[in-house]
Amino acid sequence: MNTSIRNRAAALAIAASASLAGIGIAGGPALASPNAETNAEVTIGDAGEQKPASAKYPTDPVDYADELVRAFGADDRDRVSELATGDARAALYSHDYRYQDPWVRTESRVHGDTEYVDYTNTNTQTRLSVSVRIETVADAQPDAVYSVEFVSQEIPD
């Protein structure tokens, strides 16, 4: 089995187990989960936290999407630029992000070579779908997020 297929299979297995386990990422107050059994908690980490060079890009598609949502919530445009393509960044920042927090991961699913990770903003009920290339993530490469879509938006008065 060639390395690319093996990496993809490993990434899919990890993503499936993480989704089933409802793994959350803690570190700050920005993203909350009302039901930890079905929704994973994703929060913005400490901005001063240093990551080793080997951890520059997550190797799990759901973690990769979570990292993008955290960077977006923190308005860390440099990190968003590392994780997402130009088209995905344009779509992300075309959204009125004054109400970006808190986001809750609600679902992730694999279709073909893409993992789709969905989030809901608990303040606005806006839904965000993040499309992540599984092979790019498995290879720990930049620009794995190639599409983001805001499905609905209700901004409070």
N, C-alpha and C. Protein backbone atom coordinates (compact mmCIF):
# COMPACT_ATOMS: atom_id res chain seq x y z
N MET A 1 0.86 -1.16 0.00
CA MET A 1 0.00 0.00 0.00
C MET A 1 0.91 1.23 0.00
N ASN A 2 0.64 2.17 -0.92
CA ASN A 2 1.55 3.32 -0.95
C ASN A 2 1.29 4.25 0.23
N THR A 3 2.24 5.13 0.49
CA THR A 3 2.21 5.97 1.68
C THR A 3 0.99 6.89 1.69
N SER A 4 0.64 7.47 0.55
CA SER A 4 -0.49 8.39 0.49
C SER A 4 -1.79 7.69 0.88
N ILE A 5 -2.00 6.49 0.37
CA ILE A 5 -3.22 5.74 0.71
C ILE A 5 -3.21 5.38 2.19
N ARG A 6 -2.05 4.96 2.69
CA ARG A 6 -1.92 4.60 4.10
C ARG A 6 -2.21 5.81 4.98
N ASN A 7 -1.67 6.98 4.61
CA ASN A 7 -1.92 8.20 5.38
C ASN A 7 -3.39 8.57 5.36
N ARG A 8 -4.01 8.45 4.19
CA ARG A 8 -5.44 8.77 4.07
C ARG A 8 -6.26 7.83 4.93
N ALA A 9 -5.95 6.54 4.89
CA ALA A 9 -6.68 5.56 5.69
C ALA A 9 -6.51 5.86 7.18
N ALA A 10 -5.30 6.21 7.58
CA ALA A 10 -5.05 6.55 8.98
C ALA A 10 -5.83 7.79 9.38
N ALA A 11 -5.84 8.80 8.52
CA ALA A 11 -6.57 10.04 8.82
C ALA A 11 -8.06 9.77 8.94
N LEU A 12 -8.60 8.94 8.07
CA LEU A 12 -10.02 8.60 8.14
C LEU A 12 -10.34 7.85 9.42
N ALA A 13 -9.48 6.91 9.79
CA ALA A 13 -9.70 6.15 11.02
C ALA A 13 -9.66 7.06 12.24
N ILE A 14 -8.71 7.97 12.27
CA ILE A 14 -8.60 8.90 13.39
C ILE A 14 -9.81 9.82 13.43
N ALA A 15 -10.20 10.33 12.27
CA ALA A 15 -11.36 11.24 12.21
C ALA A 15 -12.62 10.53 12.68
N ALA A 16 -12.80 9.29 12.25
CA ALA A 16 -13.99 8.54 12.64
C ALA A 16 -14.01 8.31 14.14
N SER A 17 -12.88 7.91 14.70
CA SER A 17 -12.85 7.64 16.14
C SER A 17 -13.02 8.93 16.93
N ALA A 18 -12.43 10.03 16.46
CA ALA A 18 -12.58 11.31 17.15
C ALA A 18 -14.03 11.77 17.10
N SER A 19 -14.69 11.59 15.97
CA SER A 19 -16.09 12.00 15.85
C SER A 19 -16.97 11.18 16.77
N LEU A 20 -16.72 9.87 16.83
CA LEU A 20 -17.52 9.01 17.69
C LEU A 20 -17.27 9.29 19.16
N ALA A 21 -16.06 9.64 19.50
CA ALA A 21 -15.71 9.89 20.90
C ALA A 21 -16.16 11.26 21.36
N GLY A 22 -16.47 12.16 20.42
CA GLY A 22 -16.89 13.51 20.79
C GLY A 22 -15.77 14.29 21.44
N ILE A 23 -14.59 14.17 20.89
CA ILE A 23 -13.42 14.82 21.46
C ILE A 23 -13.57 16.33 21.35
N GLY A 24 -13.23 17.05 22.42
CA GLY A 24 -13.27 18.51 22.42
C GLY A 24 -11.89 19.07 22.61
N ILE A 25 -11.76 20.33 22.29
CA ILE A 25 -10.49 21.01 22.43
C ILE A 25 -10.73 22.17 23.38
N ALA A 26 -10.08 22.18 24.52
CA ALA A 26 -10.31 23.23 25.50
C ALA A 26 -9.14 24.19 25.53
N GLY A 27 -9.34 25.34 26.10
CA GLY A 27 -8.25 26.29 26.23
C GLY A 27 -8.73 27.71 26.37
N GLY A 28 -10.02 27.96 26.29
CA GLY A 28 -10.53 29.30 26.42
C GLY A 28 -12.04 29.31 26.34
N PRO A 29 -12.67 30.47 26.46
CA PRO A 29 -14.12 30.56 26.57
C PRO A 29 -14.87 30.75 25.26
N ALA A 30 -14.24 30.82 24.12
CA ALA A 30 -14.91 31.29 22.92
C ALA A 30 -15.92 30.34 22.33
N LEU A 31 -15.67 29.06 22.31
CA LEU A 31 -16.58 28.12 21.68
C LEU A 31 -17.08 27.15 22.73
N ALA A 32 -18.37 27.02 22.85
CA ALA A 32 -18.93 26.20 23.91
C ALA A 32 -19.82 25.11 23.35
N SER A 33 -20.09 24.10 24.15
CA SER A 33 -20.92 22.99 23.74
C SER A 33 -22.02 22.75 24.76
N PRO A 34 -23.28 22.88 24.35
CA PRO A 34 -24.35 22.62 25.29
C PRO A 34 -24.53 21.12 25.55
N ASN A 35 -24.09 20.27 24.64
CA ASN A 35 -24.26 18.83 24.80
C ASN A 35 -22.98 18.14 24.37
N ALA A 36 -22.10 17.87 25.31
CA ALA A 36 -20.77 17.32 25.00
C ALA A 36 -20.83 15.93 24.40
N GLU A 37 -21.95 15.22 24.56
CA GLU A 37 -22.03 13.88 23.98
C GLU A 37 -22.22 13.92 22.47
N THR A 38 -22.87 14.95 21.96
CA THR A 38 -23.10 15.02 20.52
C THR A 38 -22.33 16.15 19.86
N ASN A 39 -21.93 17.14 20.62
CA ASN A 39 -21.20 18.28 20.09
C ASN A 39 -19.87 18.38 20.80
N ALA A 40 -18.82 18.57 20.03
CA ALA A 40 -17.50 18.71 20.65
C ALA A 40 -17.25 20.18 20.96
N GLU A 41 -16.67 20.43 22.10
CA GLU A 41 -16.36 21.80 22.49
C GLU A 41 -15.07 22.24 21.83
N VAL A 42 -15.11 23.39 21.21
CA VAL A 42 -13.95 23.96 20.55
C VAL A 42 -13.77 25.35 21.10
N THR A 43 -12.59 25.65 21.61
CA THR A 43 -12.37 26.96 22.19
C THR A 43 -11.09 27.57 21.68
N ILE A 44 -11.02 28.88 21.76
CA ILE A 44 -9.81 29.58 21.35
C ILE A 44 -8.77 29.40 22.44
N GLY A 45 -7.57 28.97 22.06
CA GLY A 45 -6.50 28.74 23.01
C GLY A 45 -5.79 30.02 23.40
N ASP A 46 -4.85 29.90 24.29
CA ASP A 46 -4.03 31.02 24.76
C ASP A 46 -3.20 31.54 23.60
N ALA A 47 -3.34 32.81 23.27
CA ALA A 47 -2.64 33.39 22.13
C ALA A 47 -1.13 33.34 22.29
N GLY A 48 -0.63 33.29 23.52
CA GLY A 48 0.80 33.26 23.76
C GLY A 48 1.39 31.86 23.72
N GLU A 49 0.55 30.86 23.57
CA GLU A 49 1.01 29.47 23.58
C GLU A 49 1.90 29.19 22.38
N GLN A 50 3.07 28.59 22.62
CA GLN A 50 4.00 28.25 21.54
C GLN A 50 3.78 26.80 21.13
N LYS A 51 3.76 26.56 19.82
CA LYS A 51 3.63 25.20 19.30
C LYS A 51 4.95 24.77 18.70
N PRO A 52 5.31 23.50 18.87
CA PRO A 52 6.52 23.03 18.20
C PRO A 52 6.33 23.05 16.70
N ALA A 53 7.42 23.20 15.95
CA ALA A 53 7.33 23.27 14.48
C ALA A 53 6.64 22.05 13.91
N SER A 54 6.83 20.88 14.51
CA SER A 54 6.21 19.66 13.99
C SER A 54 4.69 19.68 14.13
N ALA A 55 4.16 20.57 14.98
CA ALA A 55 2.72 20.65 15.19
C ALA A 55 2.10 21.83 14.45
N LYS A 56 2.77 22.33 13.42
CA LYS A 56 2.27 23.51 12.72
C LYS A 56 0.90 23.26 12.09
N TYR A 57 0.69 22.07 11.54
CA TYR A 57 -0.59 21.74 10.91
C TYR A 57 -1.14 20.47 11.55
N PRO A 58 -2.38 20.52 12.03
CA PRO A 58 -2.99 19.31 12.58
C PRO A 58 -3.05 18.21 11.52
N THR A 59 -2.98 16.97 11.94
CA THR A 59 -3.02 15.84 11.00
C THR A 59 -4.34 15.09 11.06
N ASP A 60 -5.33 15.68 11.69
CA ASP A 60 -6.69 15.15 11.72
C ASP A 60 -7.60 16.21 11.11
N PRO A 61 -8.46 15.84 10.14
CA PRO A 61 -9.30 16.84 9.47
C PRO A 61 -10.19 17.65 10.41
N VAL A 62 -10.76 17.01 11.42
CA VAL A 62 -11.62 17.73 12.36
C VAL A 62 -10.78 18.71 13.18
N ASP A 63 -9.61 18.28 13.64
CA ASP A 63 -8.72 19.18 14.38
C ASP A 63 -8.29 20.36 13.51
N TYR A 64 -8.06 20.08 12.23
CA TYR A 64 -7.65 21.12 11.28
C TYR A 64 -8.76 22.17 11.16
N ALA A 65 -10.01 21.70 11.00
CA ALA A 65 -11.14 22.62 10.90
C ALA A 65 -11.31 23.40 12.21
N ASP A 66 -11.16 22.71 13.35
CA ASP A 66 -11.25 23.39 14.64
C ASP A 66 -10.20 24.50 14.76
N GLU A 67 -9.00 24.20 14.30
CA GLU A 67 -7.91 25.19 14.35
C GLU A 67 -8.28 26.42 13.51
N LEU A 68 -8.89 26.19 12.34
CA LEU A 68 -9.32 27.31 11.50
C LEU A 68 -10.38 28.14 12.21
N VAL A 69 -11.37 27.48 12.80
CA VAL A 69 -12.44 28.21 13.49
C VAL A 69 -11.89 28.99 14.68
N ARG A 70 -10.95 28.41 15.42
CA ARG A 70 -10.32 29.15 16.52
C ARG A 70 -9.58 30.37 15.99
N ALA A 71 -8.82 30.21 14.91
CA ALA A 71 -8.06 31.33 14.34
C ALA A 71 -9.02 32.41 13.84
N PHE A 72 -10.10 32.02 13.21
CA PHE A 72 -11.11 32.97 12.74
C PHE A 72 -11.71 33.72 13.93
N GLY A 73 -12.06 32.99 14.98
CA GLY A 73 -12.64 33.61 16.17
C GLY A 73 -11.71 34.58 16.86
N ALA A 74 -10.41 34.31 16.77
CA ALA A 74 -9.40 35.18 17.39
C ALA A 74 -8.94 36.27 16.43
N ASP A 75 -9.51 36.30 15.23
CA ASP A 75 -9.11 37.22 14.16
C ASP A 75 -7.61 37.10 13.89
N ASP A 76 -7.11 35.85 13.91
CA ASP A 76 -5.70 35.56 13.61
C ASP A 76 -5.58 35.29 12.11
N ARG A 77 -5.52 36.36 11.34
CA ARG A 77 -5.52 36.24 9.88
C ARG A 77 -4.29 35.52 9.35
N ASP A 78 -3.16 35.62 10.04
CA ASP A 78 -1.97 34.89 9.60
C ASP A 78 -2.21 33.39 9.67
N ARG A 79 -2.79 32.93 10.78
CA ARG A 79 -3.05 31.49 10.93
C ARG A 79 -4.12 31.04 9.94
N VAL A 80 -5.15 31.83 9.75
CA VAL A 80 -6.18 31.49 8.76
C VAL A 80 -5.54 31.36 7.38
N SER A 81 -4.60 32.25 7.06
CA SER A 81 -3.91 32.19 5.76
C SER A 81 -3.11 30.91 5.59
N GLU A 82 -2.58 30.38 6.68
CA GLU A 82 -1.83 29.12 6.60
C GLU A 82 -2.75 27.92 6.40
N LEU A 83 -3.94 27.98 6.96
CA LEU A 83 -4.82 26.81 6.97
C LEU A 83 -5.78 26.75 5.79
N ALA A 84 -6.10 27.89 5.18
CA ALA A 84 -7.15 27.93 4.16
C ALA A 84 -6.65 28.53 2.86
N THR A 85 -7.26 28.10 1.76
CA THR A 85 -6.95 28.65 0.45
C THR A 85 -7.49 30.08 0.36
N GLY A 86 -7.09 30.79 -0.66
CA GLY A 86 -7.56 32.16 -0.87
C GLY A 86 -9.07 32.25 -1.00
N ASP A 87 -9.68 31.32 -1.74
CA ASP A 87 -11.13 31.32 -1.89
C ASP A 87 -11.83 31.10 -0.55
N ALA A 88 -11.31 30.16 0.24
CA ALA A 88 -11.92 29.89 1.55
C ALA A 88 -11.77 31.09 2.47
N ARG A 89 -10.60 31.73 2.45
CA ARG A 89 -10.40 32.93 3.28
C ARG A 89 -11.36 34.04 2.86
N ALA A 90 -11.51 34.24 1.56
CA ALA A 90 -12.40 35.29 1.07
C ALA A 90 -13.83 35.04 1.53
N ALA A 91 -14.28 33.79 1.45
CA ALA A 91 -15.63 33.45 1.90
C ALA A 91 -15.77 33.65 3.40
N LEU A 92 -14.74 33.29 4.14
CA LEU A 92 -14.78 33.41 5.60
C LEU A 92 -14.87 34.88 6.02
N TYR A 93 -14.03 35.72 5.44
CA TYR A 93 -14.00 37.12 5.85
C TYR A 93 -15.04 37.99 5.15
N SER A 94 -15.78 37.44 4.20
CA SER A 94 -16.89 38.20 3.62
C SER A 94 -18.09 38.17 4.56
N HIS A 95 -18.05 37.27 5.53
CA HIS A 95 -19.11 37.14 6.53
C HIS A 95 -18.95 38.23 7.59
N ASP A 96 -20.06 38.76 8.07
CA ASP A 96 -20.02 39.74 9.14
C ASP A 96 -19.64 39.01 10.42
N TYR A 97 -18.37 39.06 10.78
CA TYR A 97 -17.88 38.25 11.89
C TYR A 97 -17.83 39.00 13.22
N ARG A 98 -18.59 40.05 13.35
CA ARG A 98 -18.68 40.73 14.65
C ARG A 98 -19.26 39.80 15.71
N TYR A 99 -20.04 38.81 15.27
CA TYR A 99 -20.70 37.89 16.19
C TYR A 99 -20.11 36.48 16.06
N GLN A 100 -18.79 36.37 15.89
CA GLN A 100 -18.20 35.07 15.58
C GLN A 100 -18.19 34.09 16.75
N ASP A 101 -18.33 34.52 17.97
CA ASP A 101 -18.23 33.61 19.11
C ASP A 101 -19.58 33.44 19.76
N PRO A 102 -19.88 32.34 20.34
CA PRO A 102 -19.17 31.07 20.35
C PRO A 102 -19.67 30.11 19.27
N TRP A 103 -18.76 29.36 18.69
CA TRP A 103 -19.08 28.34 17.70
C TRP A 103 -19.06 26.96 18.36
N VAL A 104 -20.00 26.11 17.99
CA VAL A 104 -20.07 24.74 18.50
C VAL A 104 -20.00 23.80 17.30
N ARG A 105 -19.07 22.84 17.36
CA ARG A 105 -19.01 21.84 16.29
C ARG A 105 -20.22 20.93 16.44
N THR A 106 -20.99 20.79 15.37
CA THR A 106 -22.22 20.00 15.43
C THR A 106 -22.15 18.70 14.65
N GLU A 107 -21.27 18.62 13.66
CA GLU A 107 -21.24 17.41 12.83
C GLU A 107 -19.96 17.38 12.02
N SER A 108 -19.51 16.17 11.71
CA SER A 108 -18.46 16.00 10.72
C SER A 108 -18.78 14.75 9.94
N ARG A 109 -18.51 14.80 8.64
CA ARG A 109 -18.81 13.65 7.78
C ARG A 109 -17.81 13.63 6.64
N VAL A 110 -17.53 12.43 6.17
CA VAL A 110 -16.58 12.23 5.08
C VAL A 110 -17.35 11.89 3.82
N HIS A 111 -16.97 12.53 2.74
CA HIS A 111 -17.51 12.21 1.42
C HIS A 111 -16.35 12.30 0.44
N GLY A 112 -15.97 11.16 -0.12
CA GLY A 112 -14.84 11.15 -1.04
C GLY A 112 -13.56 11.53 -0.33
N ASP A 113 -12.86 12.50 -0.89
CA ASP A 113 -11.57 12.92 -0.31
C ASP A 113 -11.70 14.15 0.58
N THR A 114 -12.93 14.45 1.02
CA THR A 114 -13.18 15.64 1.82
C THR A 114 -13.89 15.28 3.12
N GLU A 115 -13.48 15.95 4.20
CA GLU A 115 -14.25 15.88 5.45
C GLU A 115 -14.94 17.22 5.61
N TYR A 116 -16.25 17.17 5.81
CA TYR A 116 -17.05 18.37 6.02
C TYR A 116 -17.30 18.48 7.52
N VAL A 117 -16.93 19.62 8.10
CA VAL A 117 -17.08 19.84 9.53
C VAL A 117 -18.00 21.04 9.70
N ASP A 118 -19.10 20.84 10.42
CA ASP A 118 -20.11 21.87 10.58
C ASP A 118 -20.11 22.43 12.00
N TYR A 119 -20.38 23.73 12.08
CA TYR A 119 -20.42 24.46 13.34
C TYR A 119 -21.68 25.32 13.36
N THR A 120 -22.18 25.61 14.55
CA THR A 120 -23.29 26.54 14.72
C THR A 120 -22.86 27.60 15.73
N ASN A 121 -23.16 28.85 15.40
CA ASN A 121 -22.89 29.95 16.32
C ASN A 121 -24.06 30.02 17.29
N THR A 122 -23.78 29.89 18.57
CA THR A 122 -24.86 29.85 19.56
C THR A 122 -25.52 31.20 19.80
N ASN A 123 -24.89 32.28 19.39
CA ASN A 123 -25.50 33.61 19.52
C ASN A 123 -26.43 33.92 18.36
N THR A 124 -26.02 33.55 17.15
CA THR A 124 -26.75 33.96 15.95
C THR A 124 -27.45 32.82 15.23
N GLN A 125 -27.15 31.59 15.61
CA GLN A 125 -27.64 30.38 14.94
C GLN A 125 -27.12 30.26 13.51
N THR A 126 -26.11 31.05 13.16
CA THR A 126 -25.45 30.92 11.86
C THR A 126 -24.76 29.58 11.82
N ARG A 127 -24.88 28.90 10.70
CA ARG A 127 -24.20 27.62 10.52
C ARG A 127 -23.03 27.82 9.56
N LEU A 128 -21.90 27.22 9.91
CA LEU A 128 -20.68 27.30 9.12
C LEU A 128 -20.26 25.89 8.76
N SER A 129 -20.04 25.66 7.47
CA SER A 129 -19.54 24.36 7.01
C SER A 129 -18.14 24.56 6.45
N VAL A 130 -17.18 23.77 6.96
CA VAL A 130 -15.78 23.86 6.57
C VAL A 130 -15.42 22.59 5.81
N SER A 131 -14.91 22.74 4.58
CA SER A 131 -14.52 21.59 3.75
C SER A 131 -13.01 21.42 3.80
N VAL A 132 -12.57 20.23 4.22
CA VAL A 132 -11.15 19.97 4.46
C VAL A 132 -10.70 18.79 3.59
N ARG A 133 -9.61 19.00 2.83
CA ARG A 133 -9.03 17.92 2.02
C ARG A 133 -8.29 16.95 2.94
N ILE A 134 -8.74 15.71 2.98
CA ILE A 134 -8.18 14.71 3.90
C ILE A 134 -6.71 14.43 3.60
N GLU A 135 -6.36 14.27 2.34
CA GLU A 135 -4.98 13.93 2.00
C GLU A 135 -4.02 15.06 2.36
N THR A 136 -4.43 16.30 2.14
CA THR A 136 -3.59 17.44 2.49
C THR A 136 -3.33 17.47 3.99
N VAL A 137 -4.36 17.17 4.77
CA VAL A 137 -4.22 17.12 6.23
C VAL A 137 -3.31 15.97 6.64
N ALA A 138 -3.52 14.80 6.05
CA ALA A 138 -2.70 13.62 6.39
C ALA A 138 -1.22 13.87 6.12
N ASP A 139 -0.95 14.71 5.12
CA ASP A 139 0.44 15.05 4.78
C ASP A 139 0.94 16.27 5.56
N ALA A 140 0.13 16.77 6.51
CA ALA A 140 0.48 17.93 7.35
C ALA A 140 0.90 19.13 6.51
N GLN A 141 0.06 19.46 5.53
CA GLN A 141 0.34 20.55 4.60
C GLN A 141 -0.59 21.74 4.84
N PRO A 142 -0.21 22.93 4.36
CA PRO A 142 -1.09 24.11 4.48
C PRO A 142 -2.24 24.04 3.47
N ASP A 143 -3.17 24.95 3.62
CA ASP A 143 -4.29 25.14 2.68
C ASP A 143 -5.19 23.91 2.52
N ALA A 144 -5.38 23.14 3.58
CA ALA A 144 -6.26 21.97 3.49
C ALA A 144 -7.73 22.39 3.45
N VAL A 145 -8.06 23.54 4.03
CA VAL A 145 -9.43 24.04 3.98
C VAL A 145 -9.60 24.76 2.65
N TYR A 146 -10.44 24.20 1.78
CA TYR A 146 -10.59 24.80 0.46
C TYR A 146 -11.94 25.48 0.27
N SER A 147 -12.84 25.32 1.23
CA SER A 147 -14.15 25.95 1.10
C SER A 147 -14.76 26.15 2.48
N VAL A 148 -15.40 27.29 2.67
CA VAL A 148 -16.23 27.52 3.85
C VAL A 148 -17.54 28.10 3.35
N GLU A 149 -18.60 27.72 4.03
CA GLU A 149 -19.91 28.22 3.62
C GLU A 149 -20.73 28.56 4.86
N PHE A 150 -21.25 29.77 4.88
CA PHE A 150 -22.18 30.16 5.92
C PHE A 150 -23.56 29.83 5.41
N VAL A 151 -24.23 28.91 6.09
CA VAL A 151 -25.49 28.38 5.59
C VAL A 151 -26.66 29.30 5.91
N SER A 152 -26.66 29.93 7.07
CA SER A 152 -27.73 30.86 7.42
C SER A 152 -27.18 31.88 8.39
N GLN A 153 -27.87 32.98 8.51
CA GLN A 153 -27.38 34.02 9.41
C GLN A 153 -28.56 34.78 9.99
N GLU A 154 -28.60 34.86 11.29
CA GLU A 154 -29.59 35.68 11.99
C GLU A 154 -28.84 36.51 13.01
N ILE A 155 -28.58 37.76 12.72
CA ILE A 155 -27.85 38.63 13.63
C ILE A 155 -28.84 39.25 14.61
N PRO A 156 -28.56 39.13 15.91
CA PRO A 156 -29.48 39.72 16.90
C PRO A 156 -29.49 41.24 16.82
N ASP A 157 -30.60 41.83 17.23
CA ASP A 157 -30.72 43.30 17.24
C ASP A 157 -29.84 43.92 18.27
